[in-house]
């Protein structure tokens, strides 16, 4: 495997783990990281998070990764994968302009 591909996989895995840990900790979820599949729906019939939980997830993402979700960001709460995609996109955009996301 190419070094760049391996690095991208490792970065994604790290972000997934951080998001799962934050969800479990901040929302006091009765799960382990292994219990949470990356494609599970966070709202509605998946984990069943409510609007207050959704706000907590947004705040968690903003604080953990130093990104701004914005008013229309509720769509990123479809799953852990959509949050990860958002964080990685923000990280790439920030790196492209010389910044960086923690």
C-alpha atoms as a PDB file:
ATOM      1  CA  UNK A   1       0.000   0.000   0.000  1.00  0.00           C
ATOM      2  CA  UNK A   2       1.271   3.468  -0.820  1.00  0.00           C
ATOM      3  CA  UNK A   3       2.395   5.601   2.098  1.00  0.00           C
ATOM      4  CA  UNK A   4      -0.118   8.350   1.230  1.00  0.00           C
ATOM      5  CA  UNK A   5      -3.012   5.883   1.175  1.00  0.00           C
ATOM      6  CA  UNK A   6      -1.888   4.381   4.479  1.00  0.00           C
ATOM      7  CA  UNK A   7      -1.664   7.849   6.008  1.00  0.00           C
ATOM      8  CA  UNK A   8      -5.204   8.719   4.864  1.00  0.00           C
ATOM      9  CA  UNK A   9      -6.551   5.463   6.311  1.00  0.00           C
ATOM     10  CA  UNK A  10      -4.811   6.094   9.636  1.00  0.00           C
ATOM     11  CA  UNK A  11      -6.066   9.685   9.787  1.00  0.00           C
ATOM     12  CA  UNK A  12      -9.634   8.602   9.073  1.00  0.00           C
ATOM     13  CA  UNK A  13      -9.437   5.838  11.695  1.00  0.00           C
ATOM     14  CA  UNK A  14      -8.144   8.324  14.263  1.00  0.00           C
ATOM     15  CA  UNK A  15     -10.977  10.779  13.557  1.00  0.00           C
ATOM     16  CA  UNK A  16     -13.568   7.967  13.734  1.00  0.00           C
ATOM     17  CA  UNK A  17     -12.217   6.860  17.120  1.00  0.00           C
ATOM     18  CA  UNK A  18     -12.177  10.417  18.486  1.00  0.00           C
ATOM     19  CA  UNK A  19     -15.761  11.020  17.382  1.00  0.00           C
ATOM     20  CA  UNK A  20     -16.954   7.736  18.858  1.00  0.00           C
ATOM     21  CA  UNK A  21     -15.216   8.489  22.181  1.00  0.00           C
ATOM     22  CA  UNK A  22     -16.763  11.961  22.248  1.00  0.00           C
ATOM     23  CA  UNK A  23     -20.247  10.650  21.486  1.00  0.00           C
ATOM     24  CA  UNK A  24     -20.019   8.031  24.218  1.00  0.00           C
ATOM     25  CA  UNK A  25     -18.546  10.396  26.796  1.00  0.00           C
ATOM     26  CA  UNK A  26     -20.490  13.581  26.138  1.00  0.00           C
ATOM     27  CA  UNK A  27     -23.858  11.892  25.660  1.00  0.00           C
ATOM     28  CA  UNK A  28     -23.307   9.192  28.308  1.00  0.00           C
ATOM     29  CA  UNK A  29     -24.147   6.512  25.757  1.00  0.00           C
ATOM     30  CA  UNK A  30     -24.243   2.929  27.065  1.00  0.00           C
ATOM     31  CA  UNK A  31     -21.981   1.669  24.265  1.00  0.00           C
ATOM     32  CA  UNK A  32     -18.350   0.951  23.537  1.00  0.00           C
ATOM     33  CA  UNK A  33     -16.558   2.282  20.480  1.00  0.00           C
ATOM     34  CA  UNK A  34     -16.884  -1.147  18.867  1.00  0.00           C
ATOM     35  CA  UNK A  35     -20.668  -1.056  19.356  1.00  0.00           C
ATOM     36  CA  UNK A  36     -21.051   2.081  17.234  1.00  0.00           C
ATOM     37  CA  UNK A  37     -20.994   1.379  13.524  1.00  0.00           C
ATOM     38  CA  UNK A  38     -19.852   4.301  11.405  1.00  0.00           C
ATOM     39  CA  UNK A  39     -23.021   4.216   9.280  1.00  0.00           C
ATOM     40  CA  UNK A  40     -25.583   4.057  12.091  1.00  0.00           C
ATOM     41  CA  UNK A  41     -28.099   6.874  11.952  1.00  0.00           C
ATOM     42  CA  UNK A  42     -27.501   9.255  14.831  1.00  0.00           C
ATOM     43  CA  UNK A  43     -30.967  10.793  14.800  1.00  0.00           C
ATOM     44  CA  UNK A  44     -34.293   8.999  14.621  1.00  0.00           C
ATOM     45  CA  UNK A  45     -34.356   5.216  14.576  1.00  0.00           C
ATOM     46  CA  UNK A  46     -30.580   4.723  14.818  1.00  0.00           C
ATOM     47  CA  UNK A  47     -29.161   5.960  18.106  1.00  0.00           C
ATOM     48  CA  UNK A  48     -32.296   8.022  18.622  1.00  0.00           C
ATOM     49  CA  UNK A  49     -30.547  11.244  19.553  1.00  0.00           C
ATOM     50  CA  UNK A  50     -32.803  14.224  20.152  1.00  0.00           C
ATOM     51  CA  UNK A  51     -32.277  17.897  19.312  1.00  0.00           C
ATOM     52  CA  UNK A  52     -30.346  18.616  22.514  1.00  0.00           C
ATOM     53  CA  UNK A  53     -28.091  15.659  21.804  1.00  0.00           C
ATOM     54  CA  UNK A  54     -27.594  16.949  18.263  1.00  0.00           C
ATOM     55  CA  UNK A  55     -26.492  20.329  19.621  1.00  0.00           C
ATOM     56  CA  UNK A  56     -24.067  18.586  21.961  1.00  0.00           C
ATOM     57  CA  UNK A  57     -22.616  16.611  19.041  1.00  0.00           C
ATOM     58  CA  UNK A  58     -22.120  19.807  17.027  1.00  0.00           C
ATOM     59  CA  UNK A  59     -20.412  21.516  19.970  1.00  0.00           C
ATOM     60  CA  UNK A  60     -18.248  18.454  20.519  1.00  0.00           C
ATOM     61  CA  UNK A  61     -17.105  18.400  16.880  1.00  0.00           C
ATOM     62  CA  UNK A  62     -16.368  22.124  16.927  1.00  0.00           C
ATOM     63  CA  UNK A  63     -14.357  21.890  20.148  1.00  0.00           C
ATOM     64  CA  UNK A  64     -12.523  18.650  19.405  1.00  0.00           C
ATOM     65  CA  UNK A  65     -11.473  19.507  15.862  1.00  0.00           C
ATOM     66  CA  UNK A  66     -11.470  23.315  15.851  1.00  0.00           C
ATOM     67  CA  UNK A  67     -13.976  23.575  12.999  1.00  0.00           C
ATOM     68  CA  UNK A  68     -17.134  25.630  12.628  1.00  0.00           C
ATOM     69  CA  UNK A  69     -20.214  23.612  11.717  1.00  0.00           C
ATOM     70  CA  UNK A  70     -22.545  26.523  10.994  1.00  0.00           C
ATOM     71  CA  UNK A  71     -26.320  26.818  11.000  1.00  0.00           C
ATOM     72  CA  UNK A  72     -26.958  24.403   8.129  1.00  0.00           C
ATOM     73  CA  UNK A  73     -24.713  21.699   9.569  1.00  0.00           C
ATOM     74  CA  UNK A  74     -27.428  19.420  10.918  1.00  0.00           C
ATOM     75  CA  UNK A  75     -27.101  17.301   7.777  1.00  0.00           C
ATOM     76  CA  UNK A  76     -23.688  16.133   8.901  1.00  0.00           C
ATOM     77  CA  UNK A  77     -25.371  14.348  11.814  1.00  0.00           C
ATOM     78  CA  UNK A  78     -26.702  11.568   9.590  1.00  0.00           C
ATOM     79  CA  UNK A  79     -23.975   9.194  10.760  1.00  0.00           C
ATOM     80  CA  UNK A  80     -20.499   9.022  12.221  1.00  0.00           C
ATOM     81  CA  UNK A  81     -19.167   8.723   8.668  1.00  0.00           C
ATOM     82  CA  UNK A  82     -20.794  11.997   7.610  1.00  0.00           C
ATOM     83  CA  UNK A  83     -19.205  13.742  10.599  1.00  0.00           C
ATOM     84  CA  UNK A  84     -15.823  12.220   9.732  1.00  0.00           C
ATOM     85  CA  UNK A  85     -16.193  13.307   6.095  1.00  0.00           C
ATOM     86  CA  UNK A  86     -16.999  16.852   7.225  1.00  0.00           C
ATOM     87  CA  UNK A  87     -14.028  17.035   9.606  1.00  0.00           C
ATOM     88  CA  UNK A  88     -11.622  15.688   6.987  1.00  0.00           C
ATOM     89  CA  UNK A  89     -12.959  18.104   4.344  1.00  0.00           C
ATOM     90  CA  UNK A  90     -12.517  21.024   6.738  1.00  0.00           C
ATOM     91  CA  UNK A  91      -9.045  19.813   7.628  1.00  0.00           C
ATOM     92  CA  UNK A  92      -8.066  19.570   3.954  1.00  0.00           C
ATOM     93  CA  UNK A  93      -9.531  23.008   3.167  1.00  0.00           C
ATOM     94  CA  UNK A  94      -7.729  24.542   6.121  1.00  0.00           C
ATOM     95  CA  UNK A  95      -4.421  22.899   5.125  1.00  0.00           C
ATOM     96  CA  UNK A  96      -4.856  24.177   1.582  1.00  0.00           C
ATOM     97  CA  UNK A  97      -4.946  27.764   2.815  1.00  0.00           C
ATOM     98  CA  UNK A  98      -2.100  27.254   5.254  1.00  0.00           C
ATOM     99  CA  UNK A  99      -4.053  26.646   8.423  1.00  0.00           C
ATOM    100  CA  UNK A 100      -4.668  23.427  10.204  1.00  0.00           C
ATOM    101  CA  UNK A 101      -7.233  21.567  12.228  1.00  0.00           C
ATOM    102  CA  UNK A 102      -6.169  19.924  15.439  1.00  0.00           C
END
